[in-house]
Amino acid sequence: MPDLHILRPHALGLARARKIAIDWAGQVEKEFGLACTYEQGKTADRVQFSRSGVQGALQVTKDKFELDAKLGFLLGAFKDKIEAHVMASLDSRVPADTAPVPVRPAGGKKMLAKKK
């Protein structure tokens, strides 16, 4: 089980999400010294990243970013700060008008809908 799991839905489509993921990978390489590899696929892309104390991947699809990372002992102590920073980094790149918002249908279950 990963130490860090982040799921960030969006309504960008794969082409726009891909650009954001490439930009994100460049930032974390520069800011945190992570070694990143980008694997482009037909329906999903994958950014694998690693350095001493952390390894993981960011899965990119037409409607979500999903990050799973295994943190080493020392970085595990900063899990909450790392998670908040990753979320803020993704949120700052995803335009607010393309993020799905939760809505409650008559049955009471949450569903995701596109903002208008």
C-alpha atoms as a PDB file:
ATOM      1  CA  MET A   1       0.000   0.000   0.000  1.00  0.00           C
ATOM      2  CA  PRO A   2       1.431   3.407  -0.909  1.00  0.00           C
ATOM      3  CA  ASP A   3       2.196   5.892   1.821  1.00  0.00           C
ATOM      4  CA  LEU A   4       0.746   8.701  -0.251  1.00  0.00           C
ATOM      5  CA  HIS A   5      -2.315   8.466  -2.481  1.00  0.00           C
ATOM      6  CA  ILE A   6      -3.773  11.530  -4.176  1.00  0.00           C
ATOM      7  CA  LEU A   7      -6.690  11.510  -6.588  1.00  0.00           C
ATOM      8  CA  ARG A   8      -7.426  14.771  -8.407  1.00  0.00           C
ATOM      9  CA  PRO A   9     -10.398  14.628 -10.820  1.00  0.00           C
ATOM     10  CA  HIS A  10     -10.545  17.075 -13.721  1.00  0.00           C
ATOM     11  CA  ALA A  11     -12.422  17.633 -16.965  1.00  0.00           C
ATOM     12  CA  LEU A  12      -9.464  18.616 -19.159  1.00  0.00           C
ATOM     13  CA  GLY A  13      -9.202  15.702 -21.526  1.00  0.00           C
ATOM     14  CA  LEU A  14      -5.962  13.799 -22.027  1.00  0.00           C
ATOM     15  CA  ALA A  15      -4.151  16.326 -24.253  1.00  0.00           C
ATOM     16  CA  ARG A  16      -4.461  19.202 -21.748  1.00  0.00           C
ATOM     17  CA  ALA A  17      -3.838  16.927 -18.756  1.00  0.00           C
ATOM     18  CA  ARG A  18      -0.677  15.658 -20.469  1.00  0.00           C
ATOM     19  CA  LYS A  19       0.695  19.209 -20.753  1.00  0.00           C
ATOM     20  CA  ILE A  20       0.019  19.812 -17.060  1.00  0.00           C
ATOM     21  CA  ALA A  21       1.715  16.534 -16.083  1.00  0.00           C
ATOM     22  CA  ILE A  22       4.803  17.343 -18.142  1.00  0.00           C
ATOM     23  CA  ASP A  23       4.982  20.790 -16.512  1.00  0.00           C
ATOM     24  CA  TRP A  24       4.505  19.225 -13.055  1.00  0.00           C
ATOM     25  CA  ALA A  25       7.277  16.685 -13.711  1.00  0.00           C
ATOM     26  CA  GLY A  26       9.662  19.482 -14.694  1.00  0.00           C
ATOM     27  CA  GLN A  27       8.863  21.389 -11.523  1.00  0.00           C
ATOM     28  CA  VAL A  28       9.409  18.450  -9.153  1.00  0.00           C
ATOM     29  CA  GLU A  29      12.662  17.544 -10.903  1.00  0.00           C
ATOM     30  CA  LYS A  30      13.922  21.075 -10.383  1.00  0.00           C
ATOM     31  CA  GLU A  31      12.439  21.756  -6.936  1.00  0.00           C
ATOM     32  CA  PHE A  32      12.958  18.376  -5.252  1.00  0.00           C
ATOM     33  CA  GLY A  33      15.664  16.679  -7.294  1.00  0.00           C
ATOM     34  CA  LEU A  34      13.354  13.874  -8.409  1.00  0.00           C
ATOM     35  CA  ALA A  35      14.327  11.822 -11.435  1.00  0.00           C
ATOM     36  CA  CYS A  36      11.223  11.625 -13.641  1.00  0.00           C
ATOM     37  CA  THR A  37      10.409   9.514 -16.677  1.00  0.00           C
ATOM     38  CA  TYR A  38       7.332  10.198 -18.762  1.00  0.00           C
ATOM     39  CA  GLU A  39       5.546   7.344 -20.515  1.00  0.00           C
ATOM     40  CA  GLN A  40       2.903   8.453 -22.973  1.00  0.00           C
ATOM     41  CA  GLY A  41       0.045   6.073 -23.750  1.00  0.00           C
ATOM     42  CA  LYS A  42      -3.047   6.081 -25.901  1.00  0.00           C
ATOM     43  CA  THR A  43      -5.558   6.457 -23.051  1.00  0.00           C
ATOM     44  CA  ALA A  44      -3.271   7.252 -20.098  1.00  0.00           C
ATOM     45  CA  ASP A  45       0.203   8.583 -19.376  1.00  0.00           C
ATOM     46  CA  ARG A  46       2.469   7.782 -16.454  1.00  0.00           C
ATOM     47  CA  VAL A  47       5.112   9.915 -14.772  1.00  0.00           C
ATOM     48  CA  GLN A  48       7.434   7.758 -12.692  1.00  0.00           C
ATOM     49  CA  PHE A  49       9.588   9.583 -10.173  1.00  0.00           C
ATOM     50  CA  SER A  50      12.228   8.687  -7.628  1.00  0.00           C
ATOM     51  CA  ARG A  51      15.068   9.889  -5.470  1.00  0.00           C
ATOM     52  CA  SER A  52      16.482   8.842  -2.155  1.00  0.00           C
ATOM     53  CA  GLY A  53      13.549   8.423   0.218  1.00  0.00           C
ATOM     54  CA  VAL A  54      10.709   8.487  -2.304  1.00  0.00           C
ATOM     55  CA  GLN A  55       9.487   6.626  -5.346  1.00  0.00           C
ATOM     56  CA  GLY A  56       6.145   6.655  -7.077  1.00  0.00           C
ATOM     57  CA  ALA A  57       4.085   7.447 -10.118  1.00  0.00           C
ATOM     58  CA  LEU A  58       1.512   9.936 -11.345  1.00  0.00           C
ATOM     59  CA  GLN A  59      -1.136   8.356 -13.579  1.00  0.00           C
ATOM     60  CA  VAL A  60      -2.681  10.842 -16.034  1.00  0.00           C
ATOM     61  CA  THR A  61      -5.994  10.193 -17.780  1.00  0.00           C
ATOM     62  CA  LYS A  62      -8.605  12.293 -19.549  1.00  0.00           C
ATOM     63  CA  ASP A  63     -10.445  12.851 -16.268  1.00  0.00           C
ATOM     64  CA  LYS A  64      -8.037  12.402 -13.344  1.00  0.00           C
ATOM     65  CA  PHE A  65      -4.548  12.665 -11.934  1.00  0.00           C
ATOM     66  CA  GLU A  66      -3.730   9.826  -9.549  1.00  0.00           C
ATOM     67  CA  LEU A  67      -0.490   9.841  -7.584  1.00  0.00           C
ATOM     68  CA  ASP A  68       0.858   6.955  -5.539  1.00  0.00           C
ATOM     69  CA  ALA A  69       4.159   7.286  -3.710  1.00  0.00           C
ATOM     70  CA  LYS A  70       6.147   5.261  -1.224  1.00  0.00           C
ATOM     71  CA  LEU A  71       7.916   7.506   1.262  1.00  0.00           C
ATOM     72  CA  GLY A  72      11.017   6.466   3.131  1.00  0.00           C
ATOM     73  CA  PHE A  73      11.301   6.661   6.885  1.00  0.00           C
ATOM     74  CA  LEU A  74      12.571  10.263   7.048  1.00  0.00           C
ATOM     75  CA  LEU A  75      10.170  11.682   4.447  1.00  0.00           C
ATOM     76  CA  GLY A  76       7.288   9.774   6.011  1.00  0.00           C
ATOM     77  CA  ALA A  77       7.444  12.214   8.922  1.00  0.00           C
ATOM     78  CA  PHE A  78       6.526  14.997   6.465  1.00  0.00           C
ATOM     79  CA  LYS A  79       3.717  13.108   4.718  1.00  0.00           C
ATOM     80  CA  ASP A  80       1.021  15.703   5.446  1.00  0.00           C
ATOM     81  CA  LYS A  81       3.167  18.595   4.204  1.00  0.00           C
ATOM     82  CA  ILE A  82       4.198  16.674   1.088  1.00  0.00           C
ATOM     83  CA  GLU A  83       0.585  15.745   0.339  1.00  0.00           C
ATOM     84  CA  ALA A  84      -0.588  19.346   0.763  1.00  0.00           C
ATOM     85  CA  HIS A  85       2.199  20.603  -1.483  1.00  0.00           C
ATOM     86  CA  VAL A  86       1.429  18.083  -4.237  1.00  0.00           C
ATOM     87  CA  MET A  87      -2.291  18.911  -4.103  1.00  0.00           C
ATOM     88  CA  ALA A  88      -1.595  22.651  -4.256  1.00  0.00           C
ATOM     89  CA  SER A  89       0.797  22.103  -7.149  1.00  0.00           C
ATOM     90  CA  LEU A  90      -1.819  20.181  -9.158  1.00  0.00           C
ATOM     91  CA  ASP A  91      -4.645  22.534  -8.172  1.00  0.00           C
ATOM     92  CA  SER A  92      -2.658  25.576  -9.307  1.00  0.00           C
ATOM     93  CA  ARG A  93      -2.258  24.016 -12.765  1.00  0.00           C
ATOM     94  CA  VAL A  94      -5.850  22.844 -13.268  1.00  0.00           C
ATOM     95  CA  PRO A  95      -8.175  25.720 -14.205  1.00  0.00           C
ATOM     96  CA  ALA A  96     -11.075  25.990 -11.754  1.00  0.00           C
ATOM     97  CA  ASP A  97     -13.657  25.859 -14.543  1.00  0.00           C
ATOM     98  CA  THR A  98     -12.432  22.396 -15.615  1.00  0.00           C
ATOM     99  CA  ALA A  99     -12.659  20.705 -12.227  1.00  0.00           C
ATOM    100  CA  PRO A 100     -15.717  18.490 -11.671  1.00  0.00           C
ATOM    101  CA  VAL A 101     -17.819  19.537  -8.716  1.00  0.00           C
ATOM    102  CA  PRO A 102     -19.718  17.116  -6.467  1.00  0.00           C
ATOM    103  CA  VAL A 103     -23.498  17.143  -6.799  1.00  0.00           C
ATOM    104  CA  ARG A 104     -26.131  15.170  -4.888  1.00  0.00           C
ATOM    105  CA  PRO A 105     -28.900  13.570  -6.906  1.00  0.00           C
ATOM    106  CA  ALA A 106     -32.253  12.719  -5.329  1.00  0.00           C
ATOM    107  CA  GLY A 107     -30.881   9.370  -4.066  1.00  0.00           C
ATOM    108  CA  GLY A 108     -28.282  11.137  -1.922  1.00  0.00           C
ATOM    109  CA  LYS A 109     -25.131   9.579  -3.425  1.00  0.00           C
ATOM    110  CA  LYS A 110     -22.343  11.901  -4.539  1.00  0.00           C
ATOM    111  CA  MET A 111     -21.664  12.133  -8.258  1.00  0.00           C
ATOM    112  CA  LEU A 112     -19.271  14.294 -10.256  1.00  0.00           C
ATOM    113  CA  ALA A 113     -20.526  16.801 -12.790  1.00  0.00           C
ATOM    114  CA  LYS A 114     -18.766  19.342 -14.981  1.00  0.00           C
ATOM    115  CA  LYS A 115     -18.935  22.977 -13.906  1.00  0.00           C
ATOM    116  CA  LYS A 116     -20.708  25.243 -16.372  1.00  0.00           C
END
